Amino acid sequence: MKKEYIMPFVESTQNVFHEFFGITPELDTPYFVKKEETLNWDVSGIIGIAGESKGVIVLSFNEKVAVSLVSKLVGRKVTTLDEDVIDTIAEVTNIIAGNSKKGFEEYRLKISLPSIIKGKEHVVFWPKQDIPILSIPFTVPEGKFMLFVGLEKKITNDILL
């Protein structure tokens, strides 16, 4: 897998977390997701990708990590996945996706507005096309979170071994 295709997502995630939360997430080892896999997350921000390549970006957290991060941001203790948490996850997902697409300017990508899925161990139904989904795990002091990226073959053909 070519590092230059992962790095726009990694760098964007690290920059946004540094700016919003004052921390830089540590990258763990990326891997490809099995599409039937159940996720152990409580909230996910989703951005659709269109243009010369199509796909999806998903940013997922468990409740503990999400509320801890948002508590830092808003300067008060947040205890549930309230409106502040949902809005923050949507905004962070949107900024990560927007900044990441700069690394793929030759593909003229466009991103959708963010959507949020909330619920214990929710299921994301990945695009039906044969688009591999790359899982990019990160660790912050509050715990782990995941960035999932799926881009159709114009890009993924180059990152597969």
Protein backbone atom coordinates (compact mmCIF):
# COMPACT_ATOMS: atom_id res chain seq x y z
CA MET A 1 0.00 0.00 0.00
CA LYS A 2 1.37 3.40 -0.96
CA LYS A 3 1.96 5.74 1.94
CA GLU A 4 1.09 8.84 -0.10
CA TYR A 5 -2.56 7.71 -0.34
CA ILE A 6 -2.95 7.27 3.41
CA MET A 7 -0.99 10.32 4.53
CA PRO A 8 -3.53 13.02 3.49
CA PHE A 9 -6.06 11.35 5.81
CA VAL A 10 -3.57 10.80 8.63
CA GLU A 11 -2.18 14.33 8.48
CA SER A 12 -5.62 15.92 8.24
CA THR A 13 -6.87 13.91 11.23
CA GLN A 14 -3.82 14.76 13.32
CA ASN A 15 -4.00 18.46 12.40
CA VAL A 16 -7.73 18.76 13.14
CA PHE A 17 -7.37 17.00 16.49
CA HIS A 18 -4.43 19.20 17.41
CA GLU A 19 -6.40 22.32 16.49
CA PHE A 20 -9.73 21.31 18.09
CA PHE A 21 -8.63 19.28 21.11
CA GLY A 22 -4.98 20.21 21.67
CA ILE A 23 -3.77 16.63 21.12
CA THR A 24 -2.10 14.79 18.27
CA PRO A 25 -3.52 11.29 17.72
CA GLU A 26 -1.03 8.46 17.32
CA LEU A 27 -1.45 6.39 14.19
CA ASP A 28 -1.84 2.65 14.67
CA THR A 29 -1.48 0.10 11.85
CA PRO A 30 -4.05 0.57 9.03
CA TYR A 31 -5.86 -2.50 7.67
CA PHE A 32 -8.68 -3.35 5.26
CA VAL A 33 -12.11 -3.90 6.83
CA LYS A 34 -14.31 -6.90 6.17
CA LYS A 35 -17.56 -5.35 4.99
CA GLU A 36 -19.72 -7.62 7.16
CA GLU A 37 -17.78 -6.63 10.30
CA THR A 38 -19.84 -5.11 13.14
CA LEU A 39 -18.31 -1.96 14.48
CA ASN A 40 -17.91 -1.41 18.19
CA TRP A 41 -18.63 2.31 18.01
CA ASP A 42 -21.38 4.50 19.42
CA VAL A 43 -21.24 7.47 17.04
CA SER A 44 -19.94 7.89 13.49
CA GLY A 45 -19.67 10.86 11.17
CA ILE A 46 -20.09 9.95 7.50
CA ILE A 47 -19.09 11.92 4.40
CA GLY A 48 -19.85 10.75 0.86
CA ILE A 49 -17.26 11.31 -1.86
CA ALA A 50 -18.11 12.02 -5.50
CA GLY A 51 -16.24 13.23 -8.58
CA GLU A 52 -13.70 11.30 -10.60
CA SER A 53 -13.59 8.79 -7.75
CA LYS A 54 -16.45 7.82 -5.45
CA GLY A 55 -16.47 6.55 -1.92
CA VAL A 56 -16.93 7.34 1.74
CA ILE A 57 -15.10 8.64 4.81
CA VAL A 58 -16.33 7.56 8.24
CA LEU A 59 -15.01 8.79 11.60
CA SER A 60 -16.09 6.53 14.51
CA PHE A 61 -15.88 6.81 18.30
CA ASN A 62 -17.15 5.02 21.35
CA GLU A 63 -19.21 7.21 23.69
CA LYS A 64 -16.49 7.61 26.33
CA VAL A 65 -13.92 8.97 23.88
CA ALA A 66 -16.42 11.23 22.09
CA VAL A 67 -17.78 12.87 25.25
CA SER A 68 -14.27 13.25 26.74
CA LEU A 69 -13.00 15.03 23.64
CA VAL A 70 -16.02 17.30 23.39
CA SER A 71 -15.77 18.11 27.12
CA LYS A 72 -12.26 19.43 26.39
CA LEU A 73 -13.53 21.49 23.49
CA VAL A 74 -16.55 23.10 25.17
CA GLY A 75 -14.90 23.59 28.57
CA ARG A 76 -17.55 21.73 30.58
CA LYS A 77 -18.23 18.12 31.48
CA VAL A 78 -20.30 16.35 28.84
CA THR A 79 -21.71 12.98 29.92
CA THR A 80 -23.84 11.78 27.00
CA LEU A 81 -23.91 11.87 23.23
CA ASP A 82 -25.75 15.21 23.29
CA GLU A 83 -26.19 17.82 20.56
CA ASP A 84 -22.73 19.31 21.21
CA VAL A 85 -21.11 15.91 20.66
CA ILE A 86 -23.11 15.23 17.49
CA ASP A 87 -22.32 18.68 16.07
CA THR A 88 -18.62 18.34 16.92
CA ILE A 89 -18.31 14.89 15.33
CA ALA A 90 -20.05 16.19 12.19
CA GLU A 91 -17.76 19.23 11.99
CA VAL A 92 -14.56 17.27 12.66
CA THR A 93 -15.53 14.68 10.01
CA ASN A 94 -16.29 17.44 7.52
CA ILE A 95 -12.97 19.22 8.09
CA ILE A 96 -10.94 16.00 7.92
CA ALA A 97 -12.63 15.03 4.65
CA GLY A 98 -12.22 18.51 3.17
CA ASN A 99 -8.57 18.77 4.11
CA SER A 100 -7.82 15.20 2.97
CA LYS A 101 -9.16 15.73 -0.52
CA LYS A 102 -6.36 18.26 -1.09
CA GLY A 103 -4.05 15.25 -1.36
CA PHE A 104 -6.10 13.97 -4.32
CA GLU A 105 -6.54 17.13 -6.40
CA GLU A 106 -6.01 15.27 -9.67
CA TYR A 107 -9.26 13.36 -8.97
CA ARG A 108 -11.41 16.48 -8.45
CA LEU A 109 -13.22 15.01 -5.48
CA LYS A 110 -16.36 16.55 -4.00
CA ILE A 111 -17.66 15.78 -0.52
CA SER A 112 -21.21 15.65 0.82
CA LEU A 113 -22.53 17.23 3.96
CA PRO A 114 -21.80 15.09 7.04
CA SER A 115 -24.34 12.63 8.40
CA ILE A 116 -24.22 11.10 11.87
CA ILE A 117 -25.07 7.57 12.98
CA LYS A 118 -25.61 7.14 16.70
CA GLY A 119 -26.24 3.85 18.49
CA LYS A 120 -24.40 1.03 20.25
CA GLU A 121 -22.48 -1.19 17.83
CA HIS A 122 -24.22 0.37 14.85
CA VAL A 123 -23.70 -1.07 11.40
CA VAL A 124 -22.34 0.93 8.50
CA PHE A 125 -23.47 -0.47 5.18
CA TRP A 126 -20.44 0.18 3.02
CA PRO A 127 -20.82 1.03 -0.67
CA LYS A 128 -21.98 -2.01 -2.64
CA GLN A 129 -19.39 -1.51 -5.32
CA ASP A 130 -16.19 -3.41 -4.84
CA ILE A 131 -14.56 -0.56 -2.91
CA PRO A 132 -12.06 -1.68 -0.29
CA ILE A 133 -12.53 0.11 3.05
CA LEU A 134 -9.27 1.09 4.73
CA SER A 135 -9.43 1.33 8.51
CA ILE A 136 -7.00 3.87 9.96
CA PRO A 137 -6.93 3.48 13.77
CA PHE A 138 -5.75 6.25 16.06
CA THR A 139 -5.06 6.49 19.79
CA VAL A 140 -5.50 9.57 21.96
CA PRO A 141 -5.19 9.82 25.77
CA GLU A 142 -8.99 9.36 25.99
CA GLY A 143 -8.89 6.07 24.04
CA LYS A 144 -9.12 4.87 20.44
CA PHE A 145 -11.07 6.06 17.44
CA MET A 146 -11.16 5.02 13.80
CA LEU A 147 -11.11 6.71 10.43
CA PHE A 148 -12.48 4.54 7.62
CA VAL A 149 -11.76 5.47 4.00
CA GLY A 150 -13.15 3.86 0.88
CA LEU A 151 -12.36 5.22 -2.58
CA GLU A 152 -13.18 3.44 -5.80
CA LYS A 153 -10.60 1.78 -8.01
CA LYS A 154 -8.96 4.88 -9.47
CA ILE A 155 -7.20 5.25 -6.16
CA THR A 156 -7.57 1.87 -4.46
CA ASN A 157 -5.98 -0.06 -7.31
CA ASP A 158 -2.79 1.80 -6.53
CA ILE A 159 -2.86 1.14 -2.77
CA LEU A 160 -3.54 -2.58 -2.88
CA LEU A 161 -0.46 -4.75 -2.56
